[in-house]
PDB file of N, CA and C in Angstrom:
ATOM      1  N   MET A   1     -13.390 207.733  13.688  1.00  0.00           N
ATOM      2  CA  MET A   1     -14.141 206.475  13.516  1.00  0.00           C
ATOM      3  C   MET A   1     -13.338 205.327  14.107  1.00  0.00           C
ATOM      4  N   SER A   2     -14.025 204.528  14.849  1.00  0.00           N
ATOM      5  CA  SER A   2     -13.297 203.398  15.507  1.00  0.00           C
ATOM      6  C   SER A   2     -13.808 202.124  14.902  1.00  0.00           C
ATOM      7  N   ILE A   3     -12.980 201.068  14.940  1.00  0.00           N
ATOM      8  CA  ILE A   3     -13.357 199.764  14.417  1.00  0.00           C
ATOM      9  C   ILE A   3     -13.722 198.906  15.606  1.00  0.00           C
ATOM     10  N   PRO A   4     -14.902 198.289  15.634  1.00  0.00           N
ATOM     11  CA  PRO A   4     -15.222 197.384  16.766  1.00  0.00           C
ATOM     12  C   PRO A   4     -14.239 196.246  16.878  1.00  0.00           C
ATOM     13  N   SER A   5     -13.975 195.818  18.082  1.00  0.00           N
ATOM     14  CA  SER A   5     -12.978 194.768  18.270  1.00  0.00           C
ATOM     15  C   SER A   5     -13.490 193.379  17.712  1.00  0.00           C
ATOM     16  N   ALA A   6     -14.765 193.229  17.453  1.00  0.00           N
ATOM     17  CA  ALA A   6     -15.250 191.936  17.024  1.00  0.00           C
ATOM     18  C   ALA A   6     -15.103 191.812  15.453  1.00  0.00           C
ATOM     19  N   VAL A   7     -14.635 192.798  14.748  1.00  0.00           N
ATOM     20  CA  VAL A   7     -14.483 192.723  13.369  1.00  0.00           C
ATOM     21  C   VAL A   7     -13.238 191.870  12.982  1.00  0.00           C
ATOM     22  N   VAL A   8     -13.413 190.922  12.088  1.00  0.00           N
ATOM     23  CA  VAL A   8     -12.285 190.071  11.692  1.00  0.00           C
ATOM     24  C   VAL A   8     -11.898 190.527  10.297  1.00  0.00           C
ATOM     25  N   ILE A   9     -10.667 190.812  10.117  1.00  0.00           N
ATOM     26  CA  ILE A   9     -10.150 191.240   8.787  1.00  0.00           C
ATOM     27  C   ILE A   9      -9.374 190.015   8.217  1.00  0.00           C
ATOM     28  N   VAL A  10      -9.745 189.679   6.959  1.00  0.00           N
ATOM     29  CA  VAL A  10      -9.097 188.550   6.335  1.00  0.00           C
ATOM     30  C   VAL A  10      -8.326 189.080   5.113  1.00  0.00           C
ATOM     31  N   ASN A  11      -7.059 188.795   5.049  1.00  0.00           N
ATOM     32  CA  ASN A  11      -6.274 189.138   3.860  1.00  0.00           C
ATOM     33  C   ASN A  11      -6.172 187.964   2.986  1.00  0.00           C
ATOM     34  N   LYS A  12      -7.016 187.889   1.953  1.00  0.00           N
ATOM     35  CA  LYS A  12      -7.071 186.705   1.090  1.00  0.00           C
ATOM     36  C   LYS A  12      -5.798 186.539   0.258  1.00  0.00           C
ATOM     37  N   SER A  13      -5.031 187.593   0.040  1.00  0.00           N
ATOM     38  CA  SER A  13      -3.792 187.432  -0.653  1.00  0.00           C
ATOM     39  C   SER A  13      -2.760 186.578   0.139  1.00  0.00           C
ATOM     40  N   ARG A  14      -2.980 186.401   1.415  1.00  0.00           N
ATOM     41  CA  ARG A  14      -2.048 185.556   2.220  1.00  0.00           C
ATOM     42  C   ARG A  14      -2.620 184.187   2.508  1.00  0.00           C
ATOM     43  N   ALA A  15      -3.809 183.889   2.005  1.00  0.00           N
ATOM     44  CA  ALA A  15      -4.410 182.573   2.238  1.00  0.00           C
ATOM     45  C   ALA A  15      -3.557 181.483   1.600  1.00  0.00           C
ATOM     46  N   GLN A  16      -3.455 180.344   2.239  1.00  0.00           N
ATOM     47  CA  GLN A  16      -2.735 179.197   1.711  1.00  0.00           C
ATOM     48  C   GLN A  16      -3.649 178.242   1.029  1.00  0.00           C
ATOM     49  N   TRP A  17      -4.962 178.342   1.230  1.00  0.00           N
ATOM     50  CA  TRP A  17      -5.905 177.365   0.675  1.00  0.00           C
ATOM     51  C   TRP A  17      -7.252 177.979   0.478  1.00  0.00           C
ATOM     52  N   ARG A  18      -8.099 177.292  -0.312  1.00  0.00           N
ATOM     53  CA  ARG A  18      -9.507 177.666  -0.555  1.00  0.00           C
ATOM     54  C   ARG A  18     -10.300 176.401  -0.340  1.00  0.00           C
ATOM     55  N   ALA A  19     -11.458 176.548   0.309  1.00  0.00           N
ATOM     56  CA  ALA A  19     -12.347 175.387   0.581  1.00  0.00           C
ATOM     57  C   ALA A  19     -13.100 175.003  -0.669  1.00  0.00           C
ATOM     58  N   LEU A  20     -13.290 173.729  -0.854  1.00  0.00           N
ATOM     59  CA  LEU A  20     -14.107 173.166  -1.952  1.00  0.00           C
ATOM     60  C   LEU A  20     -15.083 172.216  -1.270  1.00  0.00           C
ATOM     61  N   VAL A  21     -16.422 172.497  -1.458  1.00  0.00           N
ATOM     62  CA  VAL A  21     -17.420 171.590  -0.960  1.00  0.00           C
ATOM     63  C   VAL A  21     -18.441 171.437  -2.130  1.00  0.00           C
ATOM     64  N   THR A  22     -18.692 170.237  -2.504  1.00  0.00           N
ATOM     65  CA  THR A  22     -19.645 170.013  -3.577  1.00  0.00           C
ATOM     66  C   THR A  22     -20.401 168.697  -3.354  1.00  0.00           C
ATOM     67  N   THR A  23     -21.443 168.544  -4.143  1.00  0.00           N
ATOM     68  CA  THR A  23     -22.221 167.308  -4.076  1.00  0.00           C
ATOM     69  C   THR A  23     -22.247 166.622  -5.433  1.00  0.00           C
ATOM     70  N   VAL A  24     -22.351 165.328  -5.411  1.00  0.00           N
ATOM     71  CA  VAL A  24     -22.375 164.519  -6.633  1.00  0.00           C
ATOM     72  C   VAL A  24     -23.554 163.619  -6.561  1.00  0.00           C
ATOM     73  N   PRO A  25     -24.633 163.866  -7.351  1.00  0.00           N
ATOM     74  CA  PRO A  25     -25.823 163.020  -7.320  1.00  0.00           C
ATOM     75  C   PRO A  25     -25.592 161.750  -8.207  1.00  0.00           C
ATOM     76  N   PHE A  26     -26.074 160.616  -7.662  1.00  0.00           N
ATOM     77  CA  PHE A  26     -25.881 159.403  -8.453  1.00  0.00           C
ATOM     78  C   PHE A  26     -27.016 158.428  -8.169  1.00  0.00           C
ATOM     79  N   GLN A  27     -27.171 157.565  -9.171  1.00  0.00           N
ATOM     80  CA  GLN A  27     -28.139 156.430  -9.008  1.00  0.00           C
ATOM     81  C   GLN A  27     -27.290 155.219  -8.866  1.00  0.00           C
ATOM     82  N   ILE A  28     -27.664 154.363  -7.940  1.00  0.00           N
ATOM     83  CA  ILE A  28     -26.876 153.126  -7.778  1.00  0.00           C
ATOM     84  C   ILE A  28     -27.824 152.035  -7.342  1.00  0.00           C
ATOM     85  N   GLU A  29     -27.636 150.915  -7.890  1.00  0.00           N
ATOM     86  CA  GLU A  29     -28.521 149.735  -7.566  1.00  0.00           C
ATOM     87  C   GLU A  29     -28.105 149.079  -6.277  1.00  0.00           C
ATOM     88  N   ASP A  30     -26.799 149.060  -6.043  1.00  0.00           N
ATOM     89  CA  ASP A  30     -26.323 148.296  -4.859  1.00  0.00           C
ATOM     90  C   ASP A  30     -25.707 149.348  -3.803  1.00  0.00           C
ATOM     91  N   PHE A  31     -26.514 149.623  -2.772  1.00  0.00           N
ATOM     92  CA  PHE A  31     -26.047 150.630  -1.848  1.00  0.00           C
ATOM     93  C   PHE A  31     -24.879 150.101  -1.020  1.00  0.00           C
ATOM     94  N   ASP A  32     -24.572 148.809  -1.077  1.00  0.00           N
ATOM     95  CA  ASP A  32     -23.469 148.274  -0.356  1.00  0.00           C
ATOM     96  C   ASP A  32     -22.089 148.860  -0.865  1.00  0.00           C
ATOM     97  N   LYS A  33     -22.141 149.437  -2.095  1.00  0.00           N
ATOM     98  CA  LYS A  33     -20.920 149.962  -2.727  1.00  0.00           C
ATOM     99  C   LYS A  33     -20.655 151.395  -2.253  1.00  0.00           C
ATOM    100  N   ILE A  34     -21.585 152.056  -1.501  1.00  0.00           N
ATOM    101  CA  ILE A  34     -21.385 153.427  -1.117  1.00  0.00           C
ATOM    102  C   ILE A  34     -20.174 153.637  -0.284  1.00  0.00           C
ATOM    103  N   LEU A  35     -19.909 152.723   0.717  1.00  0.00           N
ATOM    104  CA  LEU A  35     -18.790 152.848   1.565  1.00  0.00           C
ATOM    105  C   LEU A  35     -17.447 152.814   0.774  1.00  0.00           C
ATOM    106  N   GLN A  36     -17.380 151.918  -0.143  1.00  0.00           N
ATOM    107  CA  GLN A  36     -16.149 151.780  -0.942  1.00  0.00           C
ATOM    108  C   GLN A  36     -16.026 153.024  -1.824  1.00  0.00           C
ATOM    109  N   ILE A  37     -17.074 153.487  -2.413  1.00  0.00           N
ATOM    110  CA  ILE A  37     -17.017 154.659  -3.300  1.00  0.00           C
ATOM    111  C   ILE A  37     -16.464 155.828  -2.450  1.00  0.00           C
ATOM    112  N   SER A  38     -17.113 156.082  -1.301  1.00  0.00           N
ATOM    113  CA  SER A  38     -16.634 157.249  -0.485  1.00  0.00           C
ATOM    114  C   SER A  38     -15.178 157.077  -0.007  1.00  0.00           C
ATOM    115  N   ASP A  39     -14.771 155.880   0.314  1.00  0.00           N
ATOM    116  CA  ASP A  39     -13.383 155.656   0.696  1.00  0.00           C
ATOM    117  C   ASP A  39     -12.447 155.924  -0.459  1.00  0.00           C
ATOM    118  N   ASP A  40     -12.798 155.476  -1.643  1.00  0.00           N
ATOM    119  CA  ASP A  40     -12.008 155.754  -2.809  1.00  0.00           C
ATOM    120  C   ASP A  40     -11.947 157.200  -3.191  1.00  0.00           C
ATOM    121  N   VAL A  41     -13.030 157.920  -3.022  1.00  0.00           N
ATOM    122  CA  VAL A  41     -13.009 159.386  -3.296  1.00  0.00           C
ATOM    123  C   VAL A  41     -12.105 160.046  -2.290  1.00  0.00           C
ATOM    124  N   LYS A  42     -12.196 159.669  -0.995  1.00  0.00           N
ATOM    125  CA  LYS A  42     -11.285 160.311   0.032  1.00  0.00           C
ATOM    126  C   LYS A  42      -9.846 160.011  -0.342  1.00  0.00           C
ATOM    127  N   SER A  43      -9.548 158.817  -0.713  1.00  0.00           N
ATOM    128  CA  SER A  43      -8.138 158.474  -1.085  1.00  0.00           C
ATOM    129  C   SER A  43      -7.702 159.268  -2.308  1.00  0.00           C
ATOM    130  N   MET A  44      -8.542 159.431  -3.276  1.00  0.00           N
ATOM    131  CA  MET A  44      -8.244 160.230  -4.434  1.00  0.00           C
ATOM    132  C   MET A  44      -7.925 161.687  -4.030  1.00  0.00           C
ATOM    133  N   LEU A  45      -8.740 162.268  -3.139  1.00  0.00           N
ATOM    134  CA  LEU A  45      -8.516 163.599  -2.657  1.00  0.00           C
ATOM    135  C   LEU A  45      -7.193 163.740  -1.938  1.00  0.00           C
ATOM    136  N   LYS A  46      -6.905 162.775  -1.062  1.00  0.00           N
ATOM    137  CA  LYS A  46      -5.665 162.807  -0.306  1.00  0.00           C
ATOM    138  C   LYS A  46      -4.454 162.703  -1.177  1.00  0.00           C
ATOM    139  N   SER A  47      -4.568 162.061  -2.308  1.00  0.00           N
ATOM    140  CA  SER A  47      -3.375 161.877  -3.229  1.00  0.00           C
ATOM    141  C   SER A  47      -3.260 162.952  -4.227  1.00  0.00           C
ATOM    142  N   ASN A  48      -4.212 163.927  -4.310  1.00  0.00           N
ATOM    143  CA  ASN A  48      -4.196 164.992  -5.261  1.00  0.00           C
ATOM    144  C   ASN A  48      -3.180 166.033  -4.744  1.00  0.00           C
ATOM    145  N   PRO A  49      -2.152 166.356  -5.554  1.00  0.00           N
ATOM    146  CA  PRO A  49      -1.137 167.325  -5.125  1.00  0.00           C
ATOM    147  C   PRO A  49      -1.641 168.734  -4.912  1.00  0.00           C
ATOM    148  N   ASN A  50      -2.829 169.061  -5.438  1.00  0.00           N
ATOM    149  CA  ASN A  50      -3.390 170.367  -5.238  1.00  0.00           C
ATOM    150  C   ASN A  50      -4.288 170.536  -4.021  1.00  0.00           C
ATOM    151  N   VAL A  51      -4.474 169.429  -3.319  1.00  0.00           N
ATOM    152  CA  VAL A  51      -5.249 169.423  -2.112  1.00  0.00           C
ATOM    153  C   VAL A  51      -4.309 169.769  -0.855  1.00  0.00           C
ATOM    154  N   PHE A  52      -4.716 170.771  -0.147  1.00  0.00           N
ATOM    155  CA  PHE A  52      -3.994 171.261   1.028  1.00  0.00           C
ATOM    156  C   PHE A  52      -4.403 170.422   2.209  1.00  0.00           C
ATOM    157  N   LEU A  53      -3.460 169.560   2.725  1.00  0.00           N
ATOM    158  CA  LEU A  53      -3.788 168.650   3.759  1.00  0.00           C
ATOM    159  C   LEU A  53      -3.470 169.176   5.157  1.00  0.00           C
ATOM    160  N   GLU A  54      -2.803 170.245   5.248  1.00  0.00           N
ATOM    161  CA  GLU A  54      -2.339 170.778   6.553  1.00  0.00           C
ATOM    162  C   GLU A  54      -3.548 171.263   7.484  1.00  0.00           C
ATOM    163  N   LYS A  55      -4.644 171.733   6.902  1.00  0.00           N
ATOM    164  CA  LYS A  55      -5.699 172.306   7.624  1.00  0.00           C
ATOM    165  C   LYS A  55      -6.657 171.244   8.204  1.00  0.00           C
ATOM    166  N   GLU A  56      -7.223 170.434   7.302  1.00  0.00           N
ATOM    167  CA  GLU A  56      -8.112 169.287   7.708  1.00  0.00           C
ATOM    168  C   GLU A  56      -8.138 168.297   6.622  1.00  0.00           C
ATOM    169  N   ALA A  57      -8.552 167.085   7.012  1.00  0.00           N
ATOM    170  CA  ALA A  57      -8.594 165.944   6.062  1.00  0.00           C
ATOM    171  C   ALA A  57      -9.703 166.072   5.091  1.00  0.00           C
ATOM    172  N   PRO A  58      -9.547 165.679   3.839  1.00  0.00           N
ATOM    173  CA  PRO A  58     -10.608 165.630   2.871  1.00  0.00           C
ATOM    174  C   PRO A  58     -11.733 164.693   3.359  1.00  0.00           C
ATOM    175  N   TYR A  59     -12.936 164.926   2.922  1.00  0.00           N
ATOM    176  CA  TYR A  59     -14.024 164.045   3.346  1.00  0.00           C
ATOM    177  C   TYR A  59     -14.928 163.748   2.153  1.00  0.00           C
ATOM    178  N   CYS A  60     -15.643 162.653   2.301  1.00  0.00           N
ATOM    179  CA  CYS A  60     -16.699 162.233   1.311  1.00  0.00           C
ATOM    180  C   CYS A  60     -17.666 161.365   2.087  1.00  0.00           C
ATOM    181  N   TYR A  61     -18.929 161.672   2.044  1.00  0.00           N
ATOM    182  CA  TYR A  61     -19.967 160.847   2.723  1.00  0.00           C
ATOM    183  C   TYR A  61     -21.289 160.942   2.033  1.00  0.00           C
ATOM    184  N   LEU A  62     -22.115 159.951   2.290  1.00  0.00           N
ATOM    185  CA  LEU A  62     -23.444 159.900   1.810  1.00  0.00           C
ATOM    186  C   LEU A  62     -24.265 160.968   2.514  1.00  0.00           C
ATOM    187  N   SER A  63     -24.769 161.968   1.836  1.00  0.00           N
ATOM    188  CA  SER A  63     -25.490 163.025   2.502  1.00  0.00           C
ATOM    189  C   SER A  63     -26.987 163.130   2.174  1.00  0.00           C
ATOM    190  N   LYS A  64     -27.416 162.342   1.218  1.00  0.00           N
ATOM    191  CA  LYS A  64     -28.838 162.476   0.857  1.00  0.00           C
ATOM    192  C   LYS A  64     -29.284 161.221   0.112  1.00  0.00           C
ATOM    193  N   ILE A  65     -30.470 160.717   0.502  1.00  0.00           N
ATOM    194  CA  ILE A  65     -31.081 159.576  -0.268  1.00  0.00           C
ATOM    195  C   ILE A  65     -32.503 160.032  -0.608  1.00  0.00           C
ATOM    196  N   GLU A  66     -32.761 159.995  -1.879  1.00  0.00           N
ATOM    197  CA  GLU A  66     -34.089 160.381  -2.371  1.00  0.00           C
ATOM    198  C   GLU A  66     -34.654 159.171  -3.103  1.00  0.00           C
ATOM    199  N   LYS A  67     -35.823 159.354  -3.639  1.00  0.00           N
ATOM    200  CA  LYS A  67     -36.532 158.239  -4.322  1.00  0.00           C
ATOM    201  C   LYS A  67     -35.757 157.741  -5.491  1.00  0.00           C
ATOM    202  N   THR A  68     -35.172 158.572  -6.305  1.00  0.00           N
ATOM    203  CA  THR A  68     -34.511 158.110  -7.552  1.00  0.00           C
ATOM    204  C   THR A  68     -32.975 158.332  -7.560  1.00  0.00           C
ATOM    205  N   TYR A  69     -32.444 158.947  -6.528  1.00  0.00           N
ATOM    206  CA  TYR A  69     -31.012 159.188  -6.477  1.00  0.00           C
ATOM    207  C   TYR A  69     -30.488 159.336  -5.083  1.00  0.00           C
ATOM    208  N   ALA A  70     -29.182 159.316  -4.966  1.00  0.00           N
ATOM    209  CA  ALA A  70     -28.511 159.588  -3.696  1.00  0.00           C
ATOM    210  C   ALA A  70     -27.444 160.629  -3.973  1.00  0.00           C
ATOM    211  N   GLU A  71     -26.888 161.208  -2.933  1.00  0.00           N
ATOM    212  CA  GLU A  71     -25.924 162.229  -3.074  1.00  0.00           C
ATOM    213  C   GLU A  71     -24.742 162.086  -2.211  1.00  0.00           C
ATOM    214  N   LEU A  72     -23.561 162.184  -2.748  1.00  0.00           N
ATOM    215  CA  LEU A  72     -22.290 162.220  -1.982  1.00  0.00           C
ATOM    216  C   LEU A  72     -21.901 163.696  -1.815  1.00  0.00           C
ATOM    217  N   THR A  73     -21.504 164.069  -0.617  1.00  0.00           N
ATOM    218  CA  THR A  73     -20.887 165.386  -0.389  1.00  0.00           C
ATOM    219  C   THR A  73     -19.412 165.149  -0.211  1.00  0.00           C
ATOM    220  N   LEU A  74     -18.642 165.908  -0.964  1.00  0.00           N
ATOM    221  CA  LEU A  74     -17.144 165.817  -0.839  1.00  0.00           C
ATOM    222  C   LEU A  74     -16.590 167.176  -0.599  1.00  0.00           C
ATOM    223  N   GLY A  75     -15.548 167.235   0.169  1.00  0.00           N
ATOM    224  CA  GLY A  75     -14.912 168.505   0.466  1.00  0.00           C
ATOM    225  C   GLY A  75     -13.460 168.356   0.780  1.00  0.00           C
ATOM    226  N   CYS A  76     -12.742 169.415   0.525  1.00  0.00           N
ATOM    227  CA  CYS A  76     -11.321 169.512   0.799  1.00  0.00           C
ATOM    228  C   CYS A  76     -10.878 170.895   0.715  1.00  0.00           C
ATOM    229  N   ASN A  77      -9.656 171.170   1.132  1.00  0.00           N
ATOM    230  CA  ASN A  77      -9.070 172.464   0.912  1.00  0.00           C
ATOM    231  C   ASN A  77      -8.050 172.412  -0.185  1.00  0.00           C
ATOM    232  N   LEU A  78      -8.153 173.359  -1.178  1.00  0.00           N
ATOM    233  CA  LEU A  78      -7.293 173.366  -2.309  1.00  0.00           C
ATOM    234  C   LEU A  78      -6.225 174.401  -2.041  1.00  0.00           C
ATOM    235  N   ARG A  79      -5.034 174.043  -2.514  1.00  0.00           N
ATOM    236  CA  ARG A  79      -3.898 175.023  -2.422  1.00  0.00           C
ATOM    237  C   ARG A  79      -4.253 176.262  -3.149  1.00  0.00           C
ATOM    238  N   TYR A  80      -3.856 177.432  -2.528  1.00  0.00           N
ATOM    239  CA  TYR A  80      -4.184 178.681  -3.133  1.00  0.00           C
ATOM    240  C   TYR A  80      -3.490 178.784  -4.529  1.00  0.00           C
ATOM    241  N   ALA A  81      -4.248 179.192  -5.537  1.00  0.00           N
ATOM    242  CA  ALA A  81      -3.723 179.288  -6.865  1.00  0.00           C
ATOM    243  C   ALA A  81      -4.586 180.323  -7.612  1.00  0.00           C
ATOM    244  N   SER A  82      -4.242 180.541  -8.899  1.00  0.00           N
ATOM    245  CA  SER A  82      -5.079 181.448  -9.733  1.00  0.00           C
ATOM    246  C   SER A  82      -6.443 180.798  -9.882  1.00  0.00           C
ATOM    247  N   LYS A  83      -7.437 181.650 -10.229  1.00  0.00           N
ATOM    248  CA  LYS A  83      -8.796 181.128 -10.479  1.00  0.00           C
ATOM    249  C   LYS A  83      -8.789 180.064 -11.520  1.00  0.00           C
ATOM    250  N   ASP A  84      -8.010 180.197 -12.560  1.00  0.00           N
ATOM    251  CA  ASP A  84      -7.942 179.191 -13.610  1.00  0.00           C
ATOM    252  C   ASP A  84      -7.456 177.832 -13.079  1.00  0.00           C
ATOM    253  N   LYS A  85      -6.413 177.865 -12.286  1.00  0.00           N
ATOM    254  CA  LYS A  85      -5.855 176.676 -11.690  1.00  0.00           C
ATOM    255  C   LYS A  85      -6.902 176.072 -10.696  1.00  0.00           C
ATOM    256  N   LEU A  86      -7.552 176.903  -9.845  1.00  0.00           N
ATOM    257  CA  LEU A  86      -8.509 176.365  -8.926  1.00  0.00           C
ATOM    258  C   LEU A  86      -9.666 175.758  -9.627  1.00  0.00           C
ATOM    259  N   PHE A  87     -10.217 176.369 -10.700  1.00  0.00           N
ATOM    260  CA  PHE A  87     -11.367 175.763 -11.452  1.00  0.00           C
ATOM    261  C   PHE A  87     -10.922 174.507 -12.140  1.00  0.00           C
ATOM    262  N   SER A  88      -9.677 174.447 -12.669  1.00  0.00           N
ATOM    263  CA  SER A  88      -9.206 173.278 -13.327  1.00  0.00           C
ATOM    264  C   SER A  88      -9.023 172.119 -12.318  1.00  0.00           C
ATOM    265  N   THR A  89      -8.510 172.413 -11.146  1.00  0.00           N
ATOM    266  CA  THR A  89      -8.443 171.370 -10.115  1.00  0.00           C
ATOM    267  C   THR A  89      -9.797 170.899  -9.617  1.00  0.00           C
ATOM    268  N   GLN A  90     -10.765 171.808  -9.493  1.00  0.00           N
ATOM    269  CA  GLN A  90     -12.134 171.388  -9.145  1.00  0.00           C
ATOM    270  C   GLN A  90     -12.699 170.476 -10.154  1.00  0.00           C
ATOM    271  N   GLN A  91     -12.545 170.879 -11.451  1.00  0.00           N
ATOM    272  CA  GLN A  91     -13.061 170.050 -12.562  1.00  0.00           C
ATOM    273  C   GLN A  91     -12.426 168.616 -12.531  1.00  0.00           C
ATOM    274  N   ASP A  92     -11.071 168.590 -12.286  1.00  0.00           N
ATOM    275  CA  ASP A  92     -10.397 167.293 -12.260  1.00  0.00           C
ATOM    276  C   ASP A  92     -10.941 166.471 -11.099  1.00  0.00           C
ATOM    277  N   ILE A  93     -11.180 167.053  -9.921  1.00  0.00           N
ATOM    278  CA  ILE A  93     -11.724 166.286  -8.785  1.00  0.00           C
ATOM    279  C   ILE A  93     -13.096 165.766  -9.098  1.00  0.00           C
ATOM    280  N   LEU A  94     -13.960 166.556  -9.716  1.00  0.00           N
ATOM    281  CA  LEU A  94     -15.289 166.082 -10.052  1.00  0.00           C
ATOM    282  C   LEU A  94     -15.294 164.943 -11.043  1.00  0.00           C
ATOM    283  N   LEU A  95     -14.413 165.092 -12.050  1.00  0.00           N
ATOM    284  CA  LEU A  95     -14.367 164.008 -13.080  1.00  0.00           C
ATOM    285  C   LEU A  95     -13.789 162.759 -12.478  1.00  0.00           C
ATOM    286  N   GLN A  96     -12.854 162.828 -11.537  1.00  0.00           N
ATOM    287  CA  GLN A  96     -12.316 161.666 -10.922  1.00  0.00           C
ATOM    288  C   GLN A  96     -13.366 161.005 -10.037  1.00  0.00           C
ATOM    289  N   ALA A  97     -14.158 161.833  -9.339  1.00  0.00           N
ATOM    290  CA  ALA A  97     -15.206 161.300  -8.463  1.00  0.00           C
ATOM    291  C   ALA A  97     -16.258 160.538  -9.317  1.00  0.00           C
ATOM    292  N   ALA A  98     -16.617 161.106 -10.462  1.00  0.00           N
ATOM    293  CA  ALA A  98     -17.514 160.481 -11.397  1.00  0.00           C
ATOM    294  C   ALA A  98     -16.997 159.156 -11.903  1.00  0.00           C
ATOM    295  N   ARG A  99     -15.678 159.125 -12.181  1.00  0.00           N
ATOM    296  CA  ARG A  99     -15.061 157.874 -12.667  1.00  0.00           C
ATOM    297  C   ARG A  99     -15.092 156.833 -11.554  1.00  0.00           C
ATOM    298  N   ILE A 100     -14.875 157.193 -10.313  1.00  0.00           N
ATOM    299  CA  ILE A 100     -14.899 156.225  -9.223  1.00  0.00           C
ATOM    300  C   ILE A 100     -16.323 155.679  -9.060  1.00  0.00           C
ATOM    301  N   ILE A 101     -17.327 156.531  -9.144  1.00  0.00           N
ATOM    302  CA  ILE A 101     -18.704 156.083  -9.039  1.00  0.00           C
ATOM    303  C   ILE A 101     -19.023 155.052 -10.176  1.00  0.00           C
ATOM    304  N   LYS A 102     -18.600 155.402 -11.366  1.00  0.00           N
ATOM    305  CA  LYS A 102     -18.806 154.528 -12.520  1.00  0.00           C
ATOM    306  C   LYS A 102     -18.036 153.189 -12.370  1.00  0.00           C
ATOM    307  N   GLN A 103     -16.813 153.225 -11.850  1.00  0.00           N
ATOM    308  CA  GLN A 103     -16.019 152.037 -11.705  1.00  0.00           C
ATOM    309  C   GLN A 103     -16.735 151.019 -10.706  1.00  0.00           C
ATOM    310  N   HIS A 104     -17.505 151.586  -9.796  1.00  0.00           N
ATOM    311  CA  HIS A 104     -18.224 150.721  -8.808  1.00  0.00           C
ATOM    312  C   HIS A 104     -19.629 150.406  -9.299  1.00  0.00           C
ATOM    313  N   GLY A 105     -19.995 150.652 -10.538  1.00  0.00           N
ATOM    314  CA  GLY A 105     -21.255 150.351 -11.035  1.00  0.00           C
ATOM    315  C   GLY A 105     -22.329 151.386 -10.857  1.00  0.00           C
ATOM    316  N   GLY A 106     -21.975 152.533 -10.378  1.00  0.00           N
ATOM    317  CA  GLY A 106     -22.970 153.629 -10.222  1.00  0.00           C
ATOM    318  C   GLY A 106     -23.127 154.442 -11.465  1.00  0.00           C
ATOM    319  N   THR A 107     -24.231 155.216 -11.497  1.00  0.00           N
ATOM    320  CA  THR A 107     -24.530 156.112 -12.639  1.00  0.00           C
ATOM    321  C   THR A 107     -24.826 157.496 -12.060  1.00  0.00           C
ATOM    322  N   LEU A 108     -24.305 158.551 -12.677  1.00  0.00           N
ATOM    323  CA  LEU A 108     -24.642 159.865 -12.254  1.00  0.00           C
ATOM    324  C   LEU A 108     -26.108 160.131 -12.435  1.00  0.00           C
ATOM    325  N   ALA A 109     -26.723 160.936 -11.612  1.00  0.00           N
ATOM    326  CA  ALA A 109     -28.190 161.163 -11.649  1.00  0.00           C
ATOM    327  C   ALA A 109     -28.471 162.645 -11.899  1.00  0.00           C
ATOM    328  N   ASN A 110     -29.691 162.856 -12.341  1.00  0.00           N
ATOM    329  CA  ASN A 110     -30.254 164.213 -12.487  1.00  0.00           C
ATOM    330  C   ASN A 110     -31.255 164.409 -11.320  1.00  0.00           C
ATOM    331  N   PRO A 111     -30.896 165.177 -10.290  1.00  0.00           N
ATOM    332  CA  PRO A 111     -31.766 165.266  -9.117  1.00  0.00           C
ATOM    333  C   PRO A 111     -33.056 166.005  -9.413  1.00  0.00           C
ATOM    334  N   TRP A 112     -33.128 166.731 -10.559  1.00  0.00           N
ATOM    335  CA  TRP A 112     -34.295 167.498 -10.878  1.00  0.00           C
ATOM    336  C   TRP A 112     -35.350 166.678 -11.634  1.00  0.00           C
ATOM    337  N   SER A 113     -35.057 165.433 -11.939  1.00  0.00           N
ATOM    338  CA  SER A 113     -35.970 164.641 -12.718  1.00  0.00           C
ATOM    339  C   SER A 113     -36.635 163.528 -11.916  1.00  0.00           C
ATOM    340  N   GLN A 114     -36.976 163.877 -10.682  1.00  0.00           N
ATOM    341  CA  GLN A 114     -37.602 162.834  -9.820  1.00  0.00           C
ATOM    342  C   GLN A 114     -39.026 162.580 -10.217  1.00  0.00           C
TER     343      GLN A 114
END
């Protein structure tokens, strides 16, 4: 049996990072605050010691605008760790993003209640 040359084998035990991409829905009265919110979220991600910065820069941008809510997409690479540590880091990042939205006068939204 031969292995085709196009097959890519990934050894996850040697990975240095894991990708995190998520969205945060929010309601906000003043859309002028979106740029500051996304900049603050990017700064928060860059300063998190569990974010792996060597691969690519963390990002946060307005990705959706609906009738009753908008959505930020944020992403970064997390340093490889146990599942518990990865989930804990993801939870911390989401809570900090929610705090940043709240500090700027935004409110988290329920996208299913349009």
